[in-house]
Amino acid sequence: MRQPGQWKMDIGLDEIGGVTRAEVRLGGTDGTRFTGIGLVENGPRGLHLPGIAAELALARALSDLTEELLEAVASDIDTQFTFPGPRVN
């Protein structure tokens, strides 16, 4: 089971071929690593607003990271506890 401790978050943003990409990397001092990715393509008719695209890509990457963390929590709970009867989702 992971214990509370120091966590570090790194955020990378880049744009290649009309696609803005954000990558959020989260790491704990115990070696635990999580990564979230967010992508945004150019808008209709090639319209591209770099600032807005970066914000949206970052929001998507953080959302992806959140999903990954929630899956890890669910897995940790499943391995730590035994519940009687059938599991209900």
C-alpha atoms as a PDB file:
ATOM      1  CA  MET A   1       0.000   0.000   0.000  1.00  0.00           C
ATOM      2  CA  ARG A   2       1.326   3.448  -0.888  1.00  0.00           C
ATOM      3  CA  GLN A   3       2.019   5.756   2.035  1.00  0.00           C
ATOM      4  CA  PRO A   4       1.683   9.562   2.059  1.00  0.00           C
ATOM      5  CA  GLY A   5       4.901  11.264   1.069  1.00  0.00           C
ATOM      6  CA  GLN A   6       6.516  13.688  -1.320  1.00  0.00           C
ATOM      7  CA  TRP A   7       5.099  13.782  -4.862  1.00  0.00           C
ATOM      8  CA  LYS A   8       6.505  15.627  -7.869  1.00  0.00           C
ATOM      9  CA  MET A   9       4.528  16.716 -10.940  1.00  0.00           C
ATOM     10  CA  ASP A  10       6.123  17.584 -14.291  1.00  0.00           C
ATOM     11  CA  ILE A  11       4.116  19.107 -17.133  1.00  0.00           C
ATOM     12  CA  GLY A  12       5.205  19.161 -20.759  1.00  0.00           C
ATOM     13  CA  LEU A  13       3.450  20.968 -23.619  1.00  0.00           C
ATOM     14  CA  ASP A  14       4.315  20.836 -27.315  1.00  0.00           C
ATOM     15  CA  GLU A  15       2.706  21.336 -30.704  1.00  0.00           C
ATOM     16  CA  ILE A  16       3.503  19.197 -33.725  1.00  0.00           C
ATOM     17  CA  GLY A  17       1.625  19.135 -37.008  1.00  0.00           C
ATOM     18  CA  GLY A  18      -1.354  21.093 -35.726  1.00  0.00           C
ATOM     19  CA  VAL A  19      -1.788  18.954 -32.602  1.00  0.00           C
ATOM     20  CA  THR A  20      -1.158  20.355 -29.137  1.00  0.00           C
ATOM     21  CA  ARG A  21      -0.039  17.672 -26.681  1.00  0.00           C
ATOM     22  CA  ALA A  22       0.176  17.909 -22.905  1.00  0.00           C
ATOM     23  CA  GLU A  23       1.827  15.276 -20.744  1.00  0.00           C
ATOM     24  CA  VAL A  24       1.547  15.320 -16.956  1.00  0.00           C
ATOM     25  CA  ARG A  25       3.903  13.040 -15.045  1.00  0.00           C
ATOM     26  CA  LEU A  26       3.334  12.392 -11.345  1.00  0.00           C
ATOM     27  CA  GLY A  27       5.897  10.534  -9.265  1.00  0.00           C
ATOM     28  CA  GLY A  28       6.237   9.589  -5.639  1.00  0.00           C
ATOM     29  CA  THR A  29       9.398   9.114  -3.627  1.00  0.00           C
ATOM     30  CA  ASP A  30       8.504   5.405  -3.388  1.00  0.00           C
ATOM     31  CA  GLY A  31       8.948   5.004  -7.173  1.00  0.00           C
ATOM     32  CA  THR A  32       5.246   5.170  -7.989  1.00  0.00           C
ATOM     33  CA  ARG A  33       4.646   6.783 -11.404  1.00  0.00           C
ATOM     34  CA  PHE A  34       1.528   7.977 -13.196  1.00  0.00           C
ATOM     35  CA  THR A  35       1.173   9.745 -16.563  1.00  0.00           C
ATOM     36  CA  GLY A  36      -1.722  11.624 -18.157  1.00  0.00           C
ATOM     37  CA  ILE A  37      -1.901  12.642 -21.824  1.00  0.00           C
ATOM     38  CA  GLY A  38      -4.127  15.283 -23.436  1.00  0.00           C
ATOM     39  CA  LEU A  39      -4.402  16.098 -27.148  1.00  0.00           C
ATOM     40  CA  VAL A  40      -6.069  18.966 -29.044  1.00  0.00           C
ATOM     41  CA  GLU A  41      -6.215  19.189 -32.844  1.00  0.00           C
ATOM     42  CA  ASN A  42      -6.527  22.388 -34.885  1.00  0.00           C
ATOM     43  CA  GLY A  43     -10.058  23.727 -35.004  1.00  0.00           C
ATOM     44  CA  PRO A  44     -12.425  23.970 -37.979  1.00  0.00           C
ATOM     45  CA  ARG A  45     -10.888  25.393 -41.164  1.00  0.00           C
ATOM     46  CA  GLY A  46      -7.434  25.329 -39.593  1.00  0.00           C
ATOM     47  CA  LEU A  47      -8.324  27.863 -36.896  1.00  0.00           C
ATOM     48  CA  HIS A  48      -5.876  27.423 -34.033  1.00  0.00           C
ATOM     49  CA  LEU A  49      -5.687  29.396 -30.804  1.00  0.00           C
ATOM     50  CA  PRO A  50      -2.472  28.215 -29.145  1.00  0.00           C
ATOM     51  CA  GLY A  51      -3.267  29.499 -25.645  1.00  0.00           C
ATOM     52  CA  ILE A  52      -6.686  27.891 -25.552  1.00  0.00           C
ATOM     53  CA  ALA A  53      -5.362  24.672 -27.121  1.00  0.00           C
ATOM     54  CA  ALA A  54      -2.644  24.438 -24.448  1.00  0.00           C
ATOM     55  CA  GLU A  55      -5.173  24.937 -21.634  1.00  0.00           C
ATOM     56  CA  LEU A  56      -7.540  22.338 -23.082  1.00  0.00           C
ATOM     57  CA  ALA A  57      -4.728  19.827 -23.677  1.00  0.00           C
ATOM     58  CA  LEU A  58      -3.559  20.307 -20.093  1.00  0.00           C
ATOM     59  CA  ALA A  59      -7.097  19.879 -18.736  1.00  0.00           C
ATOM     60  CA  ARG A  60      -7.436  16.654 -20.720  1.00  0.00           C
ATOM     61  CA  ALA A  61      -4.064  15.396 -19.463  1.00  0.00           C
ATOM     62  CA  LEU A  62      -5.058  16.117 -15.851  1.00  0.00           C
ATOM     63  CA  SER A  63      -8.368  14.336 -16.403  1.00  0.00           C
ATOM     64  CA  ASP A  64      -6.504  11.330 -17.839  1.00  0.00           C
ATOM     65  CA  LEU A  65      -4.148  11.394 -14.838  1.00  0.00           C
ATOM     66  CA  THR A  66      -7.153  11.499 -12.485  1.00  0.00           C
ATOM     67  CA  GLU A  67      -8.635   8.399 -14.134  1.00  0.00           C
ATOM     68  CA  GLU A  68      -5.324   6.571 -13.785  1.00  0.00           C
ATOM     69  CA  LEU A  69      -5.075   7.503 -10.095  1.00  0.00           C
ATOM     70  CA  LEU A  70      -8.656   6.389  -9.412  1.00  0.00           C
ATOM     71  CA  GLU A  71      -7.965   3.029 -11.079  1.00  0.00           C
ATOM     72  CA  ALA A  72      -4.870   2.616  -8.884  1.00  0.00           C
ATOM     73  CA  VAL A  73      -6.904   3.410  -5.762  1.00  0.00           C
ATOM     74  CA  ALA A  74      -9.575   0.871  -6.724  1.00  0.00           C
ATOM     75  CA  SER A  75      -6.892  -1.753  -7.332  1.00  0.00           C
ATOM     76  CA  ASP A  76      -5.240  -0.981  -3.980  1.00  0.00           C
ATOM     77  CA  ILE A  77      -8.594  -1.309  -2.206  1.00  0.00           C
ATOM     78  CA  ASP A  78      -9.296  -4.624  -3.934  1.00  0.00           C
ATOM     79  CA  THR A  79      -5.922  -6.044  -2.893  1.00  0.00           C
ATOM     80  CA  GLN A  80      -6.124  -4.771   0.698  1.00  0.00           C
ATOM     81  CA  PHE A  81      -9.658  -5.792   1.609  1.00  0.00           C
ATOM     82  CA  THR A  82     -11.794  -8.896   1.158  1.00  0.00           C
ATOM     83  CA  PHE A  83     -15.491  -8.193   0.939  1.00  0.00           C
ATOM     84  CA  PRO A  84     -18.049 -10.945   1.592  1.00  0.00           C
ATOM     85  CA  GLY A  85     -20.523 -11.788  -1.150  1.00  0.00           C
ATOM     86  CA  PRO A  86     -20.609 -10.782  -4.811  1.00  0.00           C
ATOM     87  CA  ARG A  87     -19.011  -7.495  -5.840  1.00  0.00           C
ATOM     88  CA  VAL A  88     -21.422  -4.840  -7.045  1.00  0.00           C
ATOM     89  CA  ASN A  89     -20.100  -2.090  -9.343  1.00  0.00           C
END
